[in-house]
């Protein structure tokens, strides 16, 4: 699945990456205080019952310095 990440004060994603077969992904971001918005792009995905999947809500992540943040995204 494609994952898009952007700074909260920007409109376009700065990072575009793909999750692995279990849905996990990792992205290093610049150190420093900032908010990032993470969303899934599920346009090309289908569920096992052949229904189209739709992304859930975007997730906003606040980073203070150089810590690690674990988040989750949900599909509908």
C-alpha atoms as a PDB file:
ATOM      1  CA  UNK A   1       0.000   0.000   0.000  1.00  0.00           C
ATOM      2  CA  UNK A   2       1.228   3.499  -0.786  1.00  0.00           C
ATOM      3  CA  UNK A   3       1.794   5.776   2.221  1.00  0.00           C
ATOM      4  CA  UNK A   4       2.060   9.550   1.847  1.00  0.00           C
ATOM      5  CA  UNK A   5       3.681  11.814   4.449  1.00  0.00           C
ATOM      6  CA  UNK A   6       3.757  15.598   4.492  1.00  0.00           C
ATOM      7  CA  UNK A   7       4.475  18.356   6.959  1.00  0.00           C
ATOM      8  CA  UNK A   8       1.210  19.674   8.370  1.00  0.00           C
ATOM      9  CA  UNK A   9       1.954  23.163   6.991  1.00  0.00           C
ATOM     10  CA  UNK A  10       2.421  21.840   3.418  1.00  0.00           C
ATOM     11  CA  UNK A  11      -0.165  20.656   0.890  1.00  0.00           C
ATOM     12  CA  UNK A  12       1.910  18.136  -1.067  1.00  0.00           C
ATOM     13  CA  UNK A  13       3.553  15.004   0.325  1.00  0.00           C
ATOM     14  CA  UNK A  14       7.301  15.163   0.856  1.00  0.00           C
ATOM     15  CA  UNK A  15       7.610  11.385   1.198  1.00  0.00           C
ATOM     16  CA  UNK A  16       5.911   8.604  -0.733  1.00  0.00           C
ATOM     17  CA  UNK A  17       6.661   5.032   0.252  1.00  0.00           C
ATOM     18  CA  UNK A  18       5.128   1.566   0.215  1.00  0.00           C
ATOM     19  CA  UNK A  19       4.314  -0.720   3.098  1.00  0.00           C
ATOM     20  CA  UNK A  20       5.527  -4.313   3.109  1.00  0.00           C
ATOM     21  CA  UNK A  21       3.300  -7.402   2.812  1.00  0.00           C
ATOM     22  CA  UNK A  22       2.221  -7.066   6.459  1.00  0.00           C
ATOM     23  CA  UNK A  23       1.388  -3.360   6.102  1.00  0.00           C
ATOM     24  CA  UNK A  24       4.420  -2.045   7.980  1.00  0.00           C
ATOM     25  CA  UNK A  25       6.474   0.917   6.829  1.00  0.00           C
ATOM     26  CA  UNK A  26       9.216   3.159   8.205  1.00  0.00           C
ATOM     27  CA  UNK A  27      10.377   6.636   7.256  1.00  0.00           C
ATOM     28  CA  UNK A  28      13.111   8.774   8.770  1.00  0.00           C
ATOM     29  CA  UNK A  29      12.111  12.414   9.149  1.00  0.00           C
ATOM     30  CA  UNK A  30      14.272  15.452   9.856  1.00  0.00           C
ATOM     31  CA  UNK A  31      15.013  15.959  13.552  1.00  0.00           C
ATOM     32  CA  UNK A  32      13.238  18.911  15.120  1.00  0.00           C
ATOM     33  CA  UNK A  33       9.829  20.014  16.312  1.00  0.00           C
ATOM     34  CA  UNK A  34       7.175  19.536  13.613  1.00  0.00           C
ATOM     35  CA  UNK A  35       3.769  18.057  12.864  1.00  0.00           C
ATOM     36  CA  UNK A  36       3.385  15.536  10.035  1.00  0.00           C
ATOM     37  CA  UNK A  37       0.268  14.187   8.349  1.00  0.00           C
ATOM     38  CA  UNK A  38       0.317  10.528   7.283  1.00  0.00           C
ATOM     39  CA  UNK A  39      -2.280   8.920   5.015  1.00  0.00           C
ATOM     40  CA  UNK A  40      -2.766   5.711   3.088  1.00  0.00           C
ATOM     41  CA  UNK A  41      -3.494   5.714  -0.636  1.00  0.00           C
ATOM     42  CA  UNK A  42      -5.632   2.607  -1.164  1.00  0.00           C
ATOM     43  CA  UNK A  43      -6.946   3.363  -4.676  1.00  0.00           C
ATOM     44  CA  UNK A  44      -5.476   0.219  -6.228  1.00  0.00           C
ATOM     45  CA  UNK A  45      -6.264  -2.159  -3.345  1.00  0.00           C
ATOM     46  CA  UNK A  46      -9.218  -4.517  -2.983  1.00  0.00           C
ATOM     47  CA  UNK A  47     -10.356  -6.576  -0.031  1.00  0.00           C
ATOM     48  CA  UNK A  48     -10.538 -10.370  -0.089  1.00  0.00           C
ATOM     49  CA  UNK A  49     -14.243 -10.021  -0.949  1.00  0.00           C
ATOM     50  CA  UNK A  50     -13.255  -7.936  -4.028  1.00  0.00           C
ATOM     51  CA  UNK A  51     -14.658  -4.705  -2.556  1.00  0.00           C
ATOM     52  CA  UNK A  52     -12.623  -1.537  -2.951  1.00  0.00           C
ATOM     53  CA  UNK A  53     -10.857  -0.419   0.200  1.00  0.00           C
ATOM     54  CA  UNK A  54     -11.043   3.178   1.343  1.00  0.00           C
ATOM     55  CA  UNK A  55      -8.478   4.891   3.525  1.00  0.00           C
ATOM     56  CA  UNK A  56      -9.453   5.895   7.021  1.00  0.00           C
ATOM     57  CA  UNK A  57      -8.709   9.327   8.360  1.00  0.00           C
ATOM     58  CA  UNK A  58      -5.312  10.963   8.097  1.00  0.00           C
ATOM     59  CA  UNK A  59      -3.100  10.663  11.164  1.00  0.00           C
ATOM     60  CA  UNK A  60      -1.291  13.718  12.528  1.00  0.00           C
ATOM     61  CA  UNK A  61       1.991  12.957  14.281  1.00  0.00           C
ATOM     62  CA  UNK A  62       3.784  15.498  16.486  1.00  0.00           C
ATOM     63  CA  UNK A  63       7.569  15.147  16.697  1.00  0.00           C
ATOM     64  CA  UNK A  64       9.509  17.116  19.344  1.00  0.00           C
ATOM     65  CA  UNK A  65      13.118  16.344  18.432  1.00  0.00           C
ATOM     66  CA  UNK A  66      14.573  13.052  17.189  1.00  0.00           C
ATOM     67  CA  UNK A  67      12.372  10.455  18.887  1.00  0.00           C
ATOM     68  CA  UNK A  68      10.670   7.475  17.272  1.00  0.00           C
ATOM     69  CA  UNK A  69       6.885   7.570  16.803  1.00  0.00           C
ATOM     70  CA  UNK A  70       4.822   4.438  16.133  1.00  0.00           C
ATOM     71  CA  UNK A  71       1.454   5.035  14.480  1.00  0.00           C
ATOM     72  CA  UNK A  72      -1.322   3.028  12.872  1.00  0.00           C
ATOM     73  CA  UNK A  73      -3.455   3.650   9.777  1.00  0.00           C
ATOM     74  CA  UNK A  74      -6.780   1.915   9.208  1.00  0.00           C
ATOM     75  CA  UNK A  75      -8.595   1.046   5.979  1.00  0.00           C
ATOM     76  CA  UNK A  76     -12.375   0.837   5.653  1.00  0.00           C
END
